Amino acid sequence: MSNAPLMPKATAIWLVENTSLTFDQIAEFCKLHPLEVKGIADGEVGAGIRGHDPITSGQLTREEIEKGEQKADYQLKLAVSKVRLPEVKRHRGPRYTPLSRRQDRPNAILWLVRNHPELKDAQIMRLAGTTKTTIAAIRDRTHWNSAALSPMDPVTLGLCSQIELDFEVQRSAKDRPAVVEDHSPTLVPAEETTQPYYYERTSQEDVFGATASKPQVEEEDEIDVDSVFAKLKDIKVKE
């Protein structure tokens, strides 16, 4: 539909009434169905619509219409406008907040300030649709309703989506310098752990001291086997 003329149905009505073009040519030019163009010619479609002249609007030339009238298989070409209008740049202002949600906006700002202090004021303005003055008042606790404010998630309130919130948080995290965390104590290098350890030879005197005496082992009396068996023979066995 990008190559269709403005008001295609009104243009088709004018071409049906003022030219001898075929239904297929008009349908191709206006991006309509041939049966719809036939309905326009029969008065069944477009009743009450005033025809629009494509020649006066600069969408079609008289020469192009004559070429189409001479050849039934000729396709009309839309005239290219020589005047190029500059694109209107839209200035992005604060996000529009519905009336039913505007009373919850300070609560959302307080939630963002507390839970994401890394966010800048411009980012909070985009997420909550507020102004820098309101954010400063909530930060300084000078807001007129500071005592009654309670932090609430802006995603839950419907002020922004979770994707938008995550995008702003990640964007602010990239701007911050990387913090090197000191995890102490650290592991000992492998050169120290794999190095062989040589034990020094020590004597008993070095461990227990020079005054420590060796434990004396009591010498047991030698046992006479013959005397033992002789005593056993003297024992009377009870019958």
C-alpha atoms as a PDB file:
ATOM      1  CA  MET A   1       0.000   0.000   0.000  1.00  0.00           C
ATOM      2  CA  SER A   2       3.022   2.320   0.032  1.00  0.00           C
ATOM      3  CA  ASN A   3       2.580   2.992  -3.741  1.00  0.00           C
ATOM      4  CA  ALA A   4      -1.172   3.536  -3.507  1.00  0.00           C
ATOM      5  CA  PRO A   5      -2.572   7.037  -4.013  1.00  0.00           C
ATOM      6  CA  LEU A   6      -4.173   9.033  -1.265  1.00  0.00           C
ATOM      7  CA  MET A   7      -7.829   8.143  -0.754  1.00  0.00           C
ATOM      8  CA  PRO A   8      -7.677   5.144  -3.130  1.00  0.00           C
ATOM      9  CA  LYS A   9     -11.418   4.497  -3.168  1.00  0.00           C
ATOM     10  CA  ALA A  10     -12.289   8.154  -3.896  1.00  0.00           C
ATOM     11  CA  THR A  11      -9.600   8.165  -6.621  1.00  0.00           C
ATOM     12  CA  ALA A  12     -11.084   5.006  -8.138  1.00  0.00           C
ATOM     13  CA  ILE A  13     -14.521   6.647  -8.211  1.00  0.00           C
ATOM     14  CA  TRP A  14     -13.138   9.633 -10.099  1.00  0.00           C
ATOM     15  CA  LEU A  15     -11.277   7.423 -12.617  1.00  0.00           C
ATOM     16  CA  VAL A  16     -14.401   5.342 -13.251  1.00  0.00           C
ATOM     17  CA  GLU A  17     -16.509   8.435 -13.850  1.00  0.00           C
ATOM     18  CA  ASN A  18     -14.021  10.526 -15.875  1.00  0.00           C
ATOM     19  CA  THR A  19     -11.834   8.075 -17.813  1.00  0.00           C
ATOM     20  CA  SER A  20     -12.170   5.030 -20.067  1.00  0.00           C
ATOM     21  CA  LEU A  21      -9.626   2.971 -18.138  1.00  0.00           C
ATOM     22  CA  THR A  22     -10.404  -0.687 -17.522  1.00  0.00           C
ATOM     23  CA  PHE A  23     -11.378  -2.019 -14.142  1.00  0.00           C
ATOM     24  CA  ASP A  24      -8.111  -3.902 -13.912  1.00  0.00           C
ATOM     25  CA  GLN A  25      -6.051  -0.762 -14.575  1.00  0.00           C
ATOM     26  CA  ILE A  26      -7.931   1.226 -11.956  1.00  0.00           C
ATOM     27  CA  ALA A  27      -7.740  -1.633  -9.474  1.00  0.00           C
ATOM     28  CA  GLU A  28      -3.993  -1.993 -10.027  1.00  0.00           C
ATOM     29  CA  PHE A  29      -3.370   1.731  -9.615  1.00  0.00           C
ATOM     30  CA  CYS A  30      -5.582   2.165  -6.542  1.00  0.00           C
ATOM     31  CA  LYS A  31      -4.581  -1.179  -4.988  1.00  0.00           C
ATOM     32  CA  LEU A  32      -8.154  -2.430  -4.952  1.00  0.00           C
ATOM     33  CA  HIS A  33      -9.822  -5.633  -6.109  1.00  0.00           C
ATOM     34  CA  PRO A  34     -11.269  -5.559  -9.655  1.00  0.00           C
ATOM     35  CA  LEU A  35     -14.667  -6.666  -8.321  1.00  0.00           C
ATOM     36  CA  GLU A  36     -14.629  -3.707  -5.936  1.00  0.00           C
ATOM     37  CA  VAL A  37     -13.979  -1.364  -8.875  1.00  0.00           C
ATOM     38  CA  LYS A  38     -16.832  -3.051 -10.779  1.00  0.00           C
ATOM     39  CA  GLY A  39     -19.053  -2.481  -7.723  1.00  0.00           C
ATOM     40  CA  ILE A  40     -18.108   1.210  -7.831  1.00  0.00           C
ATOM     41  CA  ALA A  41     -19.132   1.375 -11.501  1.00  0.00           C
ATOM     42  CA  ASP A  42     -22.443  -0.335 -10.685  1.00  0.00           C
ATOM     43  CA  GLY A  43     -23.115   2.023  -7.799  1.00  0.00           C
ATOM     44  CA  GLU A  44     -23.013  -0.760  -5.206  1.00  0.00           C
ATOM     45  CA  VAL A  45     -19.724   0.311  -3.593  1.00  0.00           C
ATOM     46  CA  GLY A  46     -18.671   3.772  -2.467  1.00  0.00           C
ATOM     47  CA  ALA A  47     -22.130   5.313  -2.386  1.00  0.00           C
ATOM     48  CA  GLY A  48     -21.897   8.806  -0.936  1.00  0.00           C
ATOM     49  CA  ILE A  49     -18.122   9.080  -1.443  1.00  0.00           C
ATOM     50  CA  ARG A  50     -17.035  12.052  -3.487  1.00  0.00           C
ATOM     51  CA  GLY A  51     -14.490  11.341  -6.196  1.00  0.00           C
ATOM     52  CA  HIS A  52     -10.959  12.640  -5.754  1.00  0.00           C
ATOM     53  CA  ASP A  53      -9.093  14.051  -8.773  1.00  0.00           C
ATOM     54  CA  PRO A  54      -5.555  12.546  -8.785  1.00  0.00           C
ATOM     55  CA  ILE A  55      -4.393  15.060 -11.441  1.00  0.00           C
ATOM     56  CA  THR A  56      -4.976  18.146  -9.281  1.00  0.00           C
ATOM     57  CA  SER A  57      -3.346  16.472  -6.317  1.00  0.00           C
ATOM     58  CA  GLY A  58      -0.238  15.654  -8.410  1.00  0.00           C
ATOM     59  CA  GLN A  59      -0.581  11.877  -8.077  1.00  0.00           C
ATOM     60  CA  LEU A  60      -1.300  11.184 -11.740  1.00  0.00           C
ATOM     61  CA  THR A  61      -0.659  13.062 -14.974  1.00  0.00           C
ATOM     62  CA  ARG A  62      -2.944  13.522 -17.946  1.00  0.00           C
ATOM     63  CA  GLU A  63      -0.369  11.894 -20.224  1.00  0.00           C
ATOM     64  CA  GLU A  64      -0.293   8.799 -18.010  1.00  0.00           C
ATOM     65  CA  ILE A  65      -4.067   8.480 -18.237  1.00  0.00           C
ATOM     66  CA  GLU A  66      -3.940   8.783 -22.026  1.00  0.00           C
ATOM     67  CA  LYS A  67      -1.340   6.017 -22.234  1.00  0.00           C
ATOM     68  CA  GLY A  68      -3.595   3.778 -20.198  1.00  0.00           C
ATOM     69  CA  GLU A  69      -6.615   4.521 -22.332  1.00  0.00           C
ATOM     70  CA  GLN A  70      -4.699   3.623 -25.488  1.00  0.00           C
ATOM     71  CA  LYS A  71      -3.321   0.326 -24.138  1.00  0.00           C
ATOM     72  CA  ALA A  72      -5.532  -1.898 -22.030  1.00  0.00           C
ATOM     73  CA  ASP A  73      -2.554  -3.771 -20.544  1.00  0.00           C
ATOM     74  CA  TYR A  74      -0.688  -0.610 -19.540  1.00  0.00           C
ATOM     75  CA  GLN A  75      -0.157  -0.119 -15.822  1.00  0.00           C
ATOM     76  CA  LEU A  76      -0.497   3.396 -14.505  1.00  0.00           C
ATOM     77  CA  LYS A  77       2.432   4.776 -12.556  1.00  0.00           C
ATOM     78  CA  LEU A  78       2.042   6.987  -9.556  1.00  0.00           C
ATOM     79  CA  ALA A  79       3.645  10.401 -10.053  1.00  0.00           C
ATOM     80  CA  VAL A  80       6.607  11.101  -7.795  1.00  0.00           C
ATOM     81  CA  SER A  81       6.305  14.345  -5.893  1.00  0.00           C
ATOM     82  CA  LYS A  82       9.178  16.725  -6.559  1.00  0.00           C
ATOM     83  CA  VAL A  83       8.687  18.464  -3.246  1.00  0.00           C
ATOM     84  CA  ARG A  84      10.330  16.644  -0.364  1.00  0.00           C
ATOM     85  CA  LEU A  85       9.132  17.646   3.033  1.00  0.00           C
ATOM     86  CA  PRO A  86      11.644  17.339   5.865  1.00  0.00           C
ATOM     87  CA  GLU A  87      10.912  14.776   8.514  1.00  0.00           C
ATOM     88  CA  VAL A  88       9.522  16.213  11.690  1.00  0.00           C
ATOM     89  CA  LYS A  89      11.790  15.352  14.605  1.00  0.00           C
ATOM     90  CA  ARG A  90       9.818  14.379  17.628  1.00  0.00           C
ATOM     91  CA  HIS A  91      11.242  15.588  20.880  1.00  0.00           C
ATOM     92  CA  ARG A  92      10.941  12.887  23.471  1.00  0.00           C
ATOM     93  CA  GLY A  93       9.299  14.330  26.517  1.00  0.00           C
ATOM     94  CA  PRO A  94       8.266  12.719  29.772  1.00  0.00           C
ATOM     95  CA  ARG A  95       6.405   9.448  29.507  1.00  0.00           C
ATOM     96  CA  TYR A  96       2.629   9.806  29.534  1.00  0.00           C
ATOM     97  CA  THR A  97       1.140   8.362  32.690  1.00  0.00           C
ATOM     98  CA  PRO A  98      -2.594   7.563  32.950  1.00  0.00           C
ATOM     99  CA  LEU A  99      -4.574   9.557  35.469  1.00  0.00           C
ATOM    100  CA  SER A 100      -5.282   6.458  37.539  1.00  0.00           C
ATOM    101  CA  ARG A 101      -1.553   5.818  37.944  1.00  0.00           C
ATOM    102  CA  ARG A 102      -0.277   9.331  38.582  1.00  0.00           C
ATOM    103  CA  GLN A 103      -0.889   9.115  42.323  1.00  0.00           C
ATOM    104  CA  ASP A 104       1.407   6.056  42.495  1.00  0.00           C
ATOM    105  CA  ARG A 105       4.229   7.716  40.586  1.00  0.00           C
ATOM    106  CA  PRO A 106       6.005   9.154  43.699  1.00  0.00           C
ATOM    107  CA  ASN A 107       5.992   5.669  45.249  1.00  0.00           C
ATOM    108  CA  ALA A 108       7.655   4.278  42.131  1.00  0.00           C
ATOM    109  CA  ILE A 109      10.278   7.046  42.196  1.00  0.00           C
ATOM    110  CA  LEU A 110      11.045   6.261  45.846  1.00  0.00           C
ATOM    111  CA  TRP A 111      11.438   2.564  44.961  1.00  0.00           C
ATOM    112  CA  LEU A 112      13.867   3.369  42.156  1.00  0.00           C
ATOM    113  CA  VAL A 113      15.893   5.734  44.328  1.00  0.00           C
ATOM    114  CA  ARG A 114      16.246   3.157  47.108  1.00  0.00           C
ATOM    115  CA  ASN A 115      16.739  -0.036  45.119  1.00  0.00           C
ATOM    116  CA  HIS A 116      18.740   1.368  42.208  1.00  0.00           C
ATOM    117  CA  PRO A 117      20.788   4.332  43.423  1.00  0.00           C
ATOM    118  CA  GLU A 118      23.026   3.976  40.371  1.00  0.00           C
ATOM    119  CA  LEU A 119      20.249   5.238  38.087  1.00  0.00           C
ATOM    120  CA  LYS A 120      20.559   8.816  36.916  1.00  0.00           C
ATOM    121  CA  ASP A 121      17.728  11.333  37.092  1.00  0.00           C
ATOM    122  CA  ALA A 122      17.242  11.178  33.329  1.00  0.00           C
ATOM    123  CA  GLN A 123      16.775   7.399  33.507  1.00  0.00           C
ATOM    124  CA  ILE A 124      14.233   7.669  36.326  1.00  0.00           C
ATOM    125  CA  MET A 125      12.411  10.331  34.318  1.00  0.00           C
ATOM    126  CA  ARG A 126      12.113   7.936  31.378  1.00  0.00           C
ATOM    127  CA  LEU A 127      10.938   5.046  33.521  1.00  0.00           C
ATOM    128  CA  ALA A 128       8.424   6.845  35.740  1.00  0.00           C
ATOM    129  CA  GLY A 129       7.453   9.710  33.422  1.00  0.00           C
ATOM    130  CA  THR A 130       8.256  12.387  35.979  1.00  0.00           C
ATOM    131  CA  THR A 131      10.299  15.566  36.254  1.00  0.00           C
ATOM    132  CA  LYS A 132      13.713  16.260  37.747  1.00  0.00           C
ATOM    133  CA  THR A 133      12.182  18.536  40.390  1.00  0.00           C
ATOM    134  CA  THR A 134       9.968  15.742  41.714  1.00  0.00           C
ATOM    135  CA  ILE A 135      12.905  13.331  41.869  1.00  0.00           C
ATOM    136  CA  ALA A 136      15.017  15.859  43.794  1.00  0.00           C
ATOM    137  CA  ALA A 137      12.165  16.463  46.237  1.00  0.00           C
ATOM    138  CA  ILE A 138      11.785  12.749  46.931  1.00  0.00           C
ATOM    139  CA  ARG A 139      15.556  12.295  47.350  1.00  0.00           C
ATOM    140  CA  ASP A 140      15.740  15.192  49.839  1.00  0.00           C
ATOM    141  CA  ARG A 141      12.518  14.144  51.616  1.00  0.00           C
ATOM    142  CA  THR A 142      11.014  17.562  50.859  1.00  0.00           C
ATOM    143  CA  HIS A 143       8.060  16.203  48.903  1.00  0.00           C
ATOM    144  CA  TRP A 144       4.707  17.400  50.172  1.00  0.00           C
ATOM    145  CA  ASN A 145       3.590  13.800  50.772  1.00  0.00           C
ATOM    146  CA  SER A 146       6.901  12.328  51.935  1.00  0.00           C
ATOM    147  CA  ALA A 147       5.467  10.947  55.182  1.00  0.00           C
ATOM    148  CA  ALA A 148       2.863   8.857  53.355  1.00  0.00           C
ATOM    149  CA  LEU A 149       5.095   7.546  50.553  1.00  0.00           C
ATOM    150  CA  SER A 150       5.904   3.836  50.373  1.00  0.00           C
ATOM    151  CA  PRO A 151       8.272   2.321  47.793  1.00  0.00           C
ATOM    152  CA  MET A 152       6.469   0.346  45.075  1.00  0.00           C
ATOM    153  CA  ASP A 153       7.820  -1.416  42.008  1.00  0.00           C
ATOM    154  CA  PRO A 154       7.120   0.667  38.867  1.00  0.00           C
ATOM    155  CA  VAL A 155       6.704  -2.532  36.837  1.00  0.00           C
ATOM    156  CA  THR A 156       3.935  -3.706  39.157  1.00  0.00           C
ATOM    157  CA  LEU A 157       2.291  -0.298  38.934  1.00  0.00           C
ATOM    158  CA  GLY A 158       2.379  -0.439  35.134  1.00  0.00           C
ATOM    159  CA  LEU A 159       4.526   2.670  34.721  1.00  0.00           C
ATOM    160  CA  CYS A 160       7.184   0.785  32.754  1.00  0.00           C
ATOM    161  CA  SER A 161       7.983  -2.723  31.584  1.00  0.00           C
ATOM    162  CA  GLN A 162      10.536  -5.099  33.089  1.00  0.00           C
ATOM    163  CA  ILE A 163      12.550  -4.973  29.864  1.00  0.00           C
ATOM    164  CA  GLU A 164      12.835  -1.180  30.068  1.00  0.00           C
ATOM    165  CA  LEU A 165      13.875  -1.325  33.719  1.00  0.00           C
ATOM    166  CA  ASP A 166      16.528  -3.995  33.064  1.00  0.00           C
ATOM    167  CA  PHE A 167      17.849  -2.002  30.110  1.00  0.00           C
ATOM    168  CA  GLU A 168      18.335   1.146  32.191  1.00  0.00           C
ATOM    169  CA  VAL A 169      19.967  -0.801  35.040  1.00  0.00           C
ATOM    170  CA  GLN A 170      22.395  -2.518  32.676  1.00  0.00           C
ATOM    171  CA  ARG A 171      23.125   0.773  30.971  1.00  0.00           C
ATOM    172  CA  SER A 172      24.014   2.443  34.257  1.00  0.00           C
ATOM    173  CA  ALA A 173      26.140  -0.554  35.261  1.00  0.00           C
ATOM    174  CA  LYS A 174      28.236  -0.157  32.106  1.00  0.00           C
ATOM    175  CA  ASP A 175      28.939   3.482  32.925  1.00  0.00           C
ATOM    176  CA  ARG A 176      30.324   2.648  36.367  1.00  0.00           C
ATOM    177  CA  PRO A 177      34.034   1.715  36.642  1.00  0.00           C
ATOM    178  CA  ALA A 178      34.787  -1.897  37.351  1.00  0.00           C
ATOM    179  CA  VAL A 179      35.442  -2.605  41.039  1.00  0.00           C
ATOM    180  CA  VAL A 180      38.237  -5.048  41.807  1.00  0.00           C
ATOM    181  CA  GLU A 181      37.215  -7.129  44.788  1.00  0.00           C
ATOM    182  CA  ASP A 182      39.925  -8.176  47.247  1.00  0.00           C
ATOM    183  CA  HIS A 183      39.342 -11.821  48.115  1.00  0.00           C
ATOM    184  CA  SER A 184      41.755 -12.505  51.005  1.00  0.00           C
ATOM    185  CA  PRO A 185      43.413 -14.739  51.933  1.00  0.00           C
ATOM    186  CA  THR A 186      44.506 -15.823  48.509  1.00  0.00           C
ATOM    187  CA  LEU A 187      45.801 -19.202  47.465  1.00  0.00           C
ATOM    188  CA  VAL A 188      49.487 -19.984  47.914  1.00  0.00           C
ATOM    189  CA  PRO A 189      51.420 -20.169  44.631  1.00  0.00           C
ATOM    190  CA  ALA A 190      52.039 -23.628  43.241  1.00  0.00           C
ATOM    191  CA  GLU A 191      55.811 -23.134  43.459  1.00  0.00           C
ATOM    192  CA  GLU A 192      55.593 -22.962  47.234  1.00  0.00           C
ATOM    193  CA  THR A 193      53.142 -25.841  47.664  1.00  0.00           C
ATOM    194  CA  THR A 194      55.079 -28.220  45.393  1.00  0.00           C
ATOM    195  CA  GLN A 195      58.519 -27.384  46.793  1.00  0.00           C
ATOM    196  CA  PRO A 196      60.018 -30.405  48.707  1.00  0.00           C
ATOM    197  CA  TYR A 197      60.462 -29.984  52.455  1.00  0.00           C
ATOM    198  CA  TYR A 198      63.585 -31.285  54.115  1.00  0.00           C
ATOM    199  CA  TYR A 199      63.152 -32.448  57.728  1.00  0.00           C
ATOM    200  CA  GLU A 200      66.077 -31.940  60.084  1.00  0.00           C
ATOM    201  CA  ARG A 201      67.209 -34.964  61.992  1.00  0.00           C
ATOM    202  CA  THR A 202      66.673 -34.590  65.736  1.00  0.00           C
ATOM    203  CA  SER A 203      67.731 -36.756  68.643  1.00  0.00           C
ATOM    204  CA  GLN A 204      65.743 -37.806  71.682  1.00  0.00           C
ATOM    205  CA  GLU A 205      67.609 -35.376  73.822  1.00  0.00           C
ATOM    206  CA  ASP A 206      66.584 -32.490  71.516  1.00  0.00           C
ATOM    207  CA  VAL A 207      62.924 -33.415  71.903  1.00  0.00           C
ATOM    208  CA  PHE A 208      62.664 -34.410  75.592  1.00  0.00           C
ATOM    209  CA  GLY A 209      65.666 -32.539  76.919  1.00  0.00           C
ATOM    210  CA  ALA A 210      69.010 -33.634  78.259  1.00  0.00           C
ATOM    211  CA  THR A 211      67.699 -34.267  81.831  1.00  0.00           C
ATOM    212  CA  ALA A 212      65.098 -36.763  80.712  1.00  0.00           C
ATOM    213  CA  SER A 213      66.186 -40.248  81.686  1.00  0.00           C
ATOM    214  CA  LYS A 214      65.490 -43.335  79.696  1.00  0.00           C
ATOM    215  CA  PRO A 215      62.676 -45.465  81.034  1.00  0.00           C
ATOM    216  CA  GLN A 216      64.029 -48.354  83.040  1.00  0.00           C
ATOM    217  CA  VAL A 217      62.739 -51.772  82.072  1.00  0.00           C
ATOM    218  CA  GLU A 218      62.292 -54.076  84.998  1.00  0.00           C
ATOM    219  CA  GLU A 219      64.025 -57.359  84.496  1.00  0.00           C
ATOM    220  CA  GLU A 220      61.692 -60.206  85.086  1.00  0.00           C
ATOM    221  CA  ASP A 221      62.927 -63.235  87.063  1.00  0.00           C
ATOM    222  CA  GLU A 222      63.711 -66.206  84.983  1.00  0.00           C
ATOM    223  CA  ILE A 223      61.042 -68.882  85.298  1.00  0.00           C
ATOM    224  CA  ASP A 224      62.113 -72.402  86.220  1.00  0.00           C
ATOM    225  CA  VAL A 225      60.012 -74.826  84.210  1.00  0.00           C
ATOM    226  CA  ASP A 226      60.847 -77.921  86.306  1.00  0.00           C
ATOM    227  CA  SER A 227      59.702 -76.298  89.519  1.00  0.00           C
ATOM    228  CA  VAL A 228      56.407 -75.323  87.954  1.00  0.00           C
ATOM    229  CA  PHE A 229      55.595 -78.842  86.802  1.00  0.00           C
ATOM    230  CA  ALA A 230      56.708 -80.292  90.171  1.00  0.00           C
ATOM    231  CA  LYS A 231      54.140 -78.166  91.963  1.00  0.00           C
ATOM    232  CA  LEU A 232      51.454 -79.374  89.579  1.00  0.00           C
ATOM    233  CA  LYS A 233      52.162 -82.994  90.454  1.00  0.00           C
ATOM    234  CA  ASP A 234      51.611 -82.316  94.159  1.00  0.00           C
ATOM    235  CA  ILE A 235      48.104 -81.056  93.516  1.00  0.00           C
ATOM    236  CA  LYS A 236      45.585 -83.822  94.262  1.00  0.00           C
ATOM    237  CA  VAL A 237      42.798 -84.279  91.890  1.00  0.00           C
ATOM    238  CA  LYS A 238      39.403 -84.562  93.549  1.00  0.00           C
ATOM    239  CA  GLU A 239      37.514 -87.753  92.584  1.00  0.00           C
END
